PDB file of N, CA and C in Angstrom:
ATOM      1  N   UNK A   1     -39.291  44.111  31.340  1.00  0.00           N
ATOM      2  CA  UNK A   1     -40.496  43.402  31.006  1.00  0.00           C
ATOM      3  C   UNK A   1     -40.294  42.700  29.664  1.00  0.00           C
ATOM      4  N   UNK A   2     -40.793  41.474  29.556  1.00  0.00           N
ATOM      5  CA  UNK A   2     -40.756  40.703  28.321  1.00  0.00           C
ATOM      6  C   UNK A   2     -42.186  40.460  27.850  1.00  0.00           C
ATOM      7  N   UNK A   3     -42.337  40.254  26.552  1.00  0.00           N
ATOM      8  CA  UNK A   3     -43.654  39.957  26.000  1.00  0.00           C
ATOM      9  C   UNK A   3     -43.563  38.738  25.091  1.00  0.00           C
ATOM     10  N   UNK A   4     -44.713  38.111  24.882  1.00  0.00           N
ATOM     11  CA  UNK A   4     -44.823  36.996  23.954  1.00  0.00           C
ATOM     12  C   UNK A   4     -45.916  37.360  22.958  1.00  0.00           C
ATOM     13  N   UNK A   5     -45.565  37.361  21.676  1.00  0.00           N
ATOM     14  CA  UNK A   5     -46.517  37.705  20.618  1.00  0.00           C
ATOM     15  C   UNK A   5     -46.804  36.461  19.778  1.00  0.00           C
ATOM     16  N   UNK A   6     -47.989  35.879  19.955  1.00  0.00           N
ATOM     17  CA  UNK A   6     -48.299  34.656  19.217  1.00  0.00           C
ATOM     18  C   UNK A   6     -48.771  34.926  17.798  1.00  0.00           C
ATOM     19  N   UNK A   7     -48.556  33.943  16.959  1.00  0.00           N
ATOM     20  CA  UNK A   7     -49.081  33.969  15.601  1.00  0.00           C
ATOM     21  C   UNK A   7     -50.450  33.287  15.570  1.00  0.00           C
ATOM     22  N   UNK A   8     -50.731  32.619  14.476  1.00  0.00           N
ATOM     23  CA  UNK A   8     -52.017  31.964  14.294  1.00  0.00           C
ATOM     24  C   UNK A   8     -52.039  30.666  15.098  1.00  0.00           C
ATOM     25  N   UNK A   9     -52.769  30.653  16.199  1.00  0.00           N
ATOM     26  CA  UNK A   9     -52.842  29.504  17.088  1.00  0.00           C
ATOM     27  C   UNK A   9     -54.113  28.718  16.772  1.00  0.00           C
ATOM     28  N   UNK A  10     -53.972  27.415  16.672  1.00  0.00           N
ATOM     29  CA  UNK A  10     -55.104  26.550  16.356  1.00  0.00           C
ATOM     30  C   UNK A  10     -55.926  26.269  17.611  1.00  0.00           C
ATOM     31  N   UNK A  11     -56.702  27.259  18.018  1.00  0.00           N
ATOM     32  CA  UNK A  11     -57.629  27.076  19.126  1.00  0.00           C
ATOM     33  C   UNK A  11     -58.885  26.399  18.585  1.00  0.00           C
ATOM     34  N   UNK A  12     -59.757  25.969  19.467  1.00  0.00           N
ATOM     35  CA  UNK A  12     -61.009  25.350  19.026  1.00  0.00           C
ATOM     36  C   UNK A  12     -61.786  26.299  18.117  1.00  0.00           C
ATOM     37  N   UNK A  13     -61.818  27.559  18.480  1.00  0.00           N
ATOM     38  CA  UNK A  13     -62.565  28.533  17.687  1.00  0.00           C
ATOM     39  C   UNK A  13     -61.939  28.732  16.301  1.00  0.00           C
ATOM     40  N   UNK A  14     -60.613  28.841  16.246  1.00  0.00           N
ATOM     41  CA  UNK A  14     -59.947  29.000  14.957  1.00  0.00           C
ATOM     42  C   UNK A  14     -60.213  27.799  14.053  1.00  0.00           C
ATOM     43  N   UNK A  15     -60.117  26.619  14.625  1.00  0.00           N
ATOM     44  CA  UNK A  15     -60.370  25.406  13.841  1.00  0.00           C
ATOM     45  C   UNK A  15     -61.802  25.404  13.327  1.00  0.00           C
ATOM     46  N   UNK A  16     -62.725  25.750  14.202  1.00  0.00           N
ATOM     47  CA  UNK A  16     -64.142  25.762  13.818  1.00  0.00           C
ATOM     48  C   UNK A  16     -64.425  26.797  12.726  1.00  0.00           C
ATOM     49  N   UNK A  17     -63.854  27.981  12.834  1.00  0.00           N
ATOM     50  CA  UNK A  17     -64.156  29.062  11.899  1.00  0.00           C
ATOM     51  C   UNK A  17     -63.385  28.975  10.578  1.00  0.00           C
ATOM     52  N   UNK A  18     -62.168  28.445  10.615  1.00  0.00           N
ATOM     53  CA  UNK A  18     -61.331  28.490   9.419  1.00  0.00           C
ATOM     54  C   UNK A  18     -60.942  27.121   8.848  1.00  0.00           C
ATOM     55  N   UNK A  19     -60.874  26.114   9.684  1.00  0.00           N
ATOM     56  CA  UNK A  19     -60.285  24.857   9.231  1.00  0.00           C
ATOM     57  C   UNK A  19     -61.237  23.669   9.290  1.00  0.00           C
ATOM     58  N   UNK A  20     -62.524  23.921   9.428  1.00  0.00           N
ATOM     59  CA  UNK A  20     -63.496  22.827   9.463  1.00  0.00           C
ATOM     60  C   UNK A  20     -64.587  23.012   8.415  1.00  0.00           C
ATOM     61  N   UNK A  21     -64.587  24.103   7.712  1.00  0.00           N
ATOM     62  CA  UNK A  21     -65.630  24.393   6.739  1.00  0.00           C
ATOM     63  C   UNK A  21     -65.191  24.142   5.313  1.00  0.00           C
ATOM     64  N   UNK A  22     -65.991  24.608   4.391  1.00  0.00           N
ATOM     65  CA  UNK A  22     -65.702  24.377   2.974  1.00  0.00           C
ATOM     66  C   UNK A  22     -64.431  25.082   2.471  1.00  0.00           C
ATOM     67  N   UNK A  23     -63.981  26.101   3.178  1.00  0.00           N
ATOM     68  CA  UNK A  23     -62.772  26.821   2.764  1.00  0.00           C
ATOM     69  C   UNK A  23     -61.528  26.374   3.534  1.00  0.00           C
ATOM     70  N   UNK A  24     -61.616  25.273   4.260  1.00  0.00           N
ATOM     71  CA  UNK A  24     -60.508  24.809   5.090  1.00  0.00           C
ATOM     72  C   UNK A  24     -59.227  24.613   4.278  1.00  0.00           C
ATOM     73  N   UNK A  25     -59.335  23.974   3.128  1.00  0.00           N
ATOM     74  CA  UNK A  25     -58.140  23.721   2.304  1.00  0.00           C
ATOM     75  C   UNK A  25     -57.487  25.030   1.869  1.00  0.00           C
ATOM     76  N   UNK A  26     -58.301  26.019   1.547  1.00  0.00           N
ATOM     77  CA  UNK A  26     -57.785  27.327   1.133  1.00  0.00           C
ATOM     78  C   UNK A  26     -56.979  27.974   2.260  1.00  0.00           C
ATOM     79  N   UNK A  27     -57.521  27.945   3.481  1.00  0.00           N
ATOM     80  CA  UNK A  27     -56.833  28.559   4.618  1.00  0.00           C
ATOM     81  C   UNK A  27     -55.571  27.774   4.995  1.00  0.00           C
ATOM     82  N   UNK A  28     -55.620  26.447   4.940  1.00  0.00           N
ATOM     83  CA  UNK A  28     -54.437  25.643   5.249  1.00  0.00           C
ATOM     84  C   UNK A  28     -53.340  25.878   4.215  1.00  0.00           C
ATOM     85  N   UNK A  29     -53.723  26.020   2.978  1.00  0.00           N
ATOM     86  CA  UNK A  29     -52.759  26.302   1.919  1.00  0.00           C
ATOM     87  C   UNK A  29     -52.114  27.669   2.133  1.00  0.00           C
ATOM     88  N   UNK A  30     -52.926  28.653   2.487  1.00  0.00           N
ATOM     89  CA  UNK A  30     -52.406  30.001   2.764  1.00  0.00           C
ATOM     90  C   UNK A  30     -51.428  29.956   3.943  1.00  0.00           C
ATOM     91  N   UNK A  31     -51.792  29.243   4.987  1.00  0.00           N
ATOM     92  CA  UNK A  31     -50.932  29.117   6.154  1.00  0.00           C
ATOM     93  C   UNK A  31     -49.599  28.479   5.760  1.00  0.00           C
ATOM     94  N   UNK A  32     -49.637  27.433   4.950  1.00  0.00           N
ATOM     95  CA  UNK A  32     -48.420  26.755   4.510  1.00  0.00           C
ATOM     96  C   UNK A  32     -47.524  27.673   3.680  1.00  0.00           C
ATOM     97  N   UNK A  33     -48.133  28.581   2.930  1.00  0.00           N
ATOM     98  CA  UNK A  33     -47.359  29.518   2.113  1.00  0.00           C
ATOM     99  C   UNK A  33     -46.717  30.621   2.949  1.00  0.00           C
ATOM    100  N   UNK A  34     -47.357  31.024   4.037  1.00  0.00           N
ATOM    101  CA  UNK A  34     -46.901  32.167   4.825  1.00  0.00           C
ATOM    102  C   UNK A  34     -45.965  31.801   5.970  1.00  0.00           C
ATOM    103  N   UNK A  35     -46.099  30.619   6.519  1.00  0.00           N
ATOM    104  CA  UNK A  35     -45.391  30.247   7.737  1.00  0.00           C
ATOM    105  C   UNK A  35     -44.167  29.408   7.395  1.00  0.00           C
ATOM    106  N   UNK A  36     -42.982  29.794   7.877  1.00  0.00           N
ATOM    107  CA  UNK A  36     -41.739  29.095   7.547  1.00  0.00           C
ATOM    108  C   UNK A  36     -41.697  27.681   8.111  1.00  0.00           C
ATOM    109  N   UNK A  37     -42.180  27.493   9.326  1.00  0.00           N
ATOM    110  CA  UNK A  37     -42.225  26.169   9.942  1.00  0.00           C
ATOM    111  C   UNK A  37     -43.628  25.624   9.718  1.00  0.00           C
ATOM    112  N   UNK A  38     -43.731  24.530   9.023  1.00  0.00           N
ATOM    113  CA  UNK A  38     -45.028  23.975   8.613  1.00  0.00           C
ATOM    114  C   UNK A  38     -45.679  23.173   9.737  1.00  0.00           C
ATOM    115  N   UNK A  39     -46.135  23.895  10.767  1.00  0.00           N
ATOM    116  CA  UNK A  39     -46.833  23.259  11.885  1.00  0.00           C
ATOM    117  C   UNK A  39     -48.135  23.994  12.149  1.00  0.00           C
ATOM    118  N   UNK A  40     -49.052  23.309  12.793  1.00  0.00           N
ATOM    119  CA  UNK A  40     -50.276  23.939  13.287  1.00  0.00           C
ATOM    120  C   UNK A  40     -50.000  24.264  14.750  1.00  0.00           C
ATOM    121  N   UNK A  41     -49.787  25.539  15.029  1.00  0.00           N
ATOM    122  CA  UNK A  41     -49.411  25.940  16.384  1.00  0.00           C
ATOM    123  C   UNK A  41     -50.574  25.780  17.350  1.00  0.00           C
ATOM    124  N   UNK A  42     -50.259  25.272  18.528  1.00  0.00           N
ATOM    125  CA  UNK A  42     -51.257  25.103  19.576  1.00  0.00           C
ATOM    126  C   UNK A  42     -51.008  26.130  20.682  1.00  0.00           C
ATOM    127  N   UNK A  43     -51.950  26.231  21.578  1.00  0.00           N
ATOM    128  CA  UNK A  43     -51.775  27.152  22.711  1.00  0.00           C
ATOM    129  C   UNK A  43     -50.574  26.736  23.557  1.00  0.00           C
ATOM    130  N   UNK A  44     -50.267  25.444  23.575  1.00  0.00           N
ATOM    131  CA  UNK A  44     -49.107  24.959  24.319  1.00  0.00           C
ATOM    132  C   UNK A  44     -47.795  25.490  23.764  1.00  0.00           C
ATOM    133  N   UNK A  45     -47.731  25.688  22.454  1.00  0.00           N
ATOM    134  CA  UNK A  45     -46.515  26.258  21.848  1.00  0.00           C
ATOM    135  C   UNK A  45     -46.251  27.657  22.387  1.00  0.00           C
ATOM    136  N   UNK A  46     -47.293  28.422  22.578  1.00  0.00           N
ATOM    137  CA  UNK A  46     -47.162  29.777  23.122  1.00  0.00           C
ATOM    138  C   UNK A  46     -46.903  29.704  24.632  1.00  0.00           C
ATOM    139  N   UNK A  47     -47.629  28.840  25.308  1.00  0.00           N
ATOM    140  CA  UNK A  47     -47.494  28.713  26.764  1.00  0.00           C
ATOM    141  C   UNK A  47     -46.073  28.337  27.167  1.00  0.00           C
ATOM    142  N   UNK A  48     -45.396  27.531  26.365  1.00  0.00           N
ATOM    143  CA  UNK A  48     -44.015  27.154  26.689  1.00  0.00           C
ATOM    144  C   UNK A  48     -43.110  28.366  26.794  1.00  0.00           C
ATOM    145  N   UNK A  49     -43.327  29.355  25.958  1.00  0.00           N
ATOM    146  CA  UNK A  49     -42.514  30.573  26.010  1.00  0.00           C
ATOM    147  C   UNK A  49     -42.869  31.420  27.227  1.00  0.00           C
ATOM    148  N   UNK A  50     -44.136  31.451  27.575  1.00  0.00           N
ATOM    149  CA  UNK A  50     -44.552  32.172  28.781  1.00  0.00           C
ATOM    150  C   UNK A  50     -43.923  31.523  30.011  1.00  0.00           C
ATOM    151  N   UNK A  51     -43.954  30.193  30.072  1.00  0.00           N
ATOM    152  CA  UNK A  51     -43.353  29.465  31.197  1.00  0.00           C
ATOM    153  C   UNK A  51     -41.859  29.769  31.283  1.00  0.00           C
ATOM    154  N   UNK A  52     -41.198  29.843  30.134  1.00  0.00           N
ATOM    155  CA  UNK A  52     -39.776  30.199  30.127  1.00  0.00           C
ATOM    156  C   UNK A  52     -39.559  31.550  30.802  1.00  0.00           C
ATOM    157  N   UNK A  53     -40.351  32.556  30.427  1.00  0.00           N
ATOM    158  CA  UNK A  53     -40.176  33.888  31.005  1.00  0.00           C
ATOM    159  C   UNK A  53     -40.558  33.934  32.480  1.00  0.00           C
ATOM    160  N   UNK A  54     -41.417  33.051  32.911  1.00  0.00           N
ATOM    161  CA  UNK A  54     -41.789  32.998  34.323  1.00  0.00           C
ATOM    162  C   UNK A  54     -40.784  32.222  35.167  1.00  0.00           C
ATOM    163  N   UNK A  55     -39.901  31.506  34.511  1.00  0.00           N
ATOM    164  CA  UNK A  55     -38.945  30.676  35.239  1.00  0.00           C
ATOM    165  C   UNK A  55     -37.661  31.439  35.559  1.00  0.00           C
ATOM    166  N   UNK A  56     -36.884  30.848  36.426  1.00  0.00           N
ATOM    167  CA  UNK A  56     -35.590  31.419  36.816  1.00  0.00           C
ATOM    168  C   UNK A  56     -34.594  31.383  35.648  1.00  0.00           C
ATOM    169  N   UNK A  57     -34.818  30.520  34.694  1.00  0.00           N
ATOM    170  CA  UNK A  57     -33.922  30.379  33.545  1.00  0.00           C
ATOM    171  C   UNK A  57     -33.833  31.685  32.758  1.00  0.00           C
ATOM    172  N   UNK A  58     -34.892  32.467  32.742  1.00  0.00           N
ATOM    173  CA  UNK A  58     -34.899  33.712  31.963  1.00  0.00           C
ATOM    174  C   UNK A  58     -34.525  34.935  32.794  1.00  0.00           C
ATOM    175  N   UNK A  59     -33.943  34.735  33.937  1.00  0.00           N
ATOM    176  CA  UNK A  59     -33.703  35.847  34.872  1.00  0.00           C
ATOM    177  C   UNK A  59     -32.868  36.979  34.293  1.00  0.00           C
ATOM    178  N   UNK A  60     -32.047  36.717  33.292  1.00  0.00           N
ATOM    179  CA  UNK A  60     -31.215  37.766  32.702  1.00  0.00           C
ATOM    180  C   UNK A  60     -31.841  38.380  31.455  1.00  0.00           C
ATOM    181  N   UNK A  61     -33.012  37.919  31.078  1.00  0.00           N
ATOM    182  CA  UNK A  61     -33.684  38.454  29.886  1.00  0.00           C
ATOM    183  C   UNK A  61     -34.599  39.601  30.273  1.00  0.00           C
ATOM    184  N   UNK A  62     -34.484  40.689  29.535  1.00  0.00           N
ATOM    185  CA  UNK A  62     -35.375  41.813  29.778  1.00  0.00           C
ATOM    186  C   UNK A  62     -35.567  42.599  28.486  1.00  0.00           C
ATOM    187  N   UNK A  63     -36.752  43.108  28.297  1.00  0.00           N
ATOM    188  CA  UNK A  63     -37.030  43.924  27.126  1.00  0.00           C
ATOM    189  C   UNK A  63     -37.163  43.147  25.834  1.00  0.00           C
ATOM    190  N   UNK A  64     -37.500  41.869  25.924  1.00  0.00           N
ATOM    191  CA  UNK A  64     -37.618  41.041  24.725  1.00  0.00           C
ATOM    192  C   UNK A  64     -39.075  40.866  24.318  1.00  0.00           C
ATOM    193  N   UNK A  65     -39.310  40.812  23.029  1.00  0.00           N
ATOM    194  CA  UNK A  65     -40.609  40.415  22.500  1.00  0.00           C
ATOM    195  C   UNK A  65     -40.384  39.090  21.789  1.00  0.00           C
ATOM    196  N   UNK A  66     -40.859  38.028  22.367  1.00  0.00           N
ATOM    197  CA  UNK A  66     -40.686  36.699  21.810  1.00  0.00           C
ATOM    198  C   UNK A  66     -41.839  36.432  20.835  1.00  0.00           C
ATOM    199  N   UNK A  67     -41.537  36.424  19.562  1.00  0.00           N
ATOM    200  CA  UNK A  67     -42.545  36.184  18.529  1.00  0.00           C
ATOM    201  C   UNK A  67     -42.660  34.685  18.304  1.00  0.00           C
ATOM    202  N   UNK A  68     -43.813  34.143  18.630  1.00  0.00           N
ATOM    203  CA  UNK A  68     -44.073  32.715  18.493  1.00  0.00           C
ATOM    204  C   UNK A  68     -45.086  32.563  17.357  1.00  0.00           C
ATOM    205  N   UNK A  69     -44.570  32.575  16.127  1.00  0.00           N
ATOM    206  CA  UNK A  69     -45.475  32.566  14.980  1.00  0.00           C
ATOM    207  C   UNK A  69     -45.109  31.535  13.917  1.00  0.00           C
ATOM    208  N   UNK A  70     -44.214  30.615  14.264  1.00  0.00           N
ATOM    209  CA  UNK A  70     -43.834  29.586  13.305  1.00  0.00           C
ATOM    210  C   UNK A  70     -43.084  30.135  12.104  1.00  0.00           C
ATOM    211  N   UNK A  71     -42.538  31.310  12.227  1.00  0.00           N
ATOM    212  CA  UNK A  71     -41.791  31.922  11.137  1.00  0.00           C
ATOM    213  C   UNK A  71     -42.631  32.737  10.163  1.00  0.00           C
ATOM    214  N   UNK A  72     -43.822  33.138  10.575  1.00  0.00           N
ATOM    215  CA  UNK A  72     -44.692  33.934   9.706  1.00  0.00           C
ATOM    216  C   UNK A  72     -43.984  35.211   9.262  1.00  0.00           C
ATOM    217  N   UNK A  73     -43.309  35.871  10.184  1.00  0.00           N
ATOM    218  CA  UNK A  73     -42.658  37.144   9.872  1.00  0.00           C
ATOM    219  C   UNK A  73     -41.409  36.965   9.014  1.00  0.00           C
ATOM    220  N   UNK A  74     -40.896  35.756   8.912  1.00  0.00           N
ATOM    221  CA  UNK A  74     -39.707  35.518   8.106  1.00  0.00           C
ATOM    222  C   UNK A  74     -40.003  35.523   6.621  1.00  0.00           C
ATOM    223  N   UNK A  75     -41.223  35.208   6.268  1.00  0.00           N
ATOM    224  CA  UNK A  75     -41.589  35.079   4.849  1.00  0.00           C
ATOM    225  C   UNK A  75     -41.634  36.413   4.170  1.00  0.00           C
TER     226      UNK A  75
END
């Protein structure tokens, strides 16, 4: 069995709660400091990894946890 562990994904709710209000700059700055790859991750970024594991291409992969967090854990 394989798993996919997403980081901070910019869903509509996340954008509304953290990145559209008066503290948006503070949260974006924090994200830039913590995440190695300076991108705003979308649900599609996570879905691509799920599709990989569902495809025949990953047939030899087992027991993996694919961390899709833009390098958050690297910092």
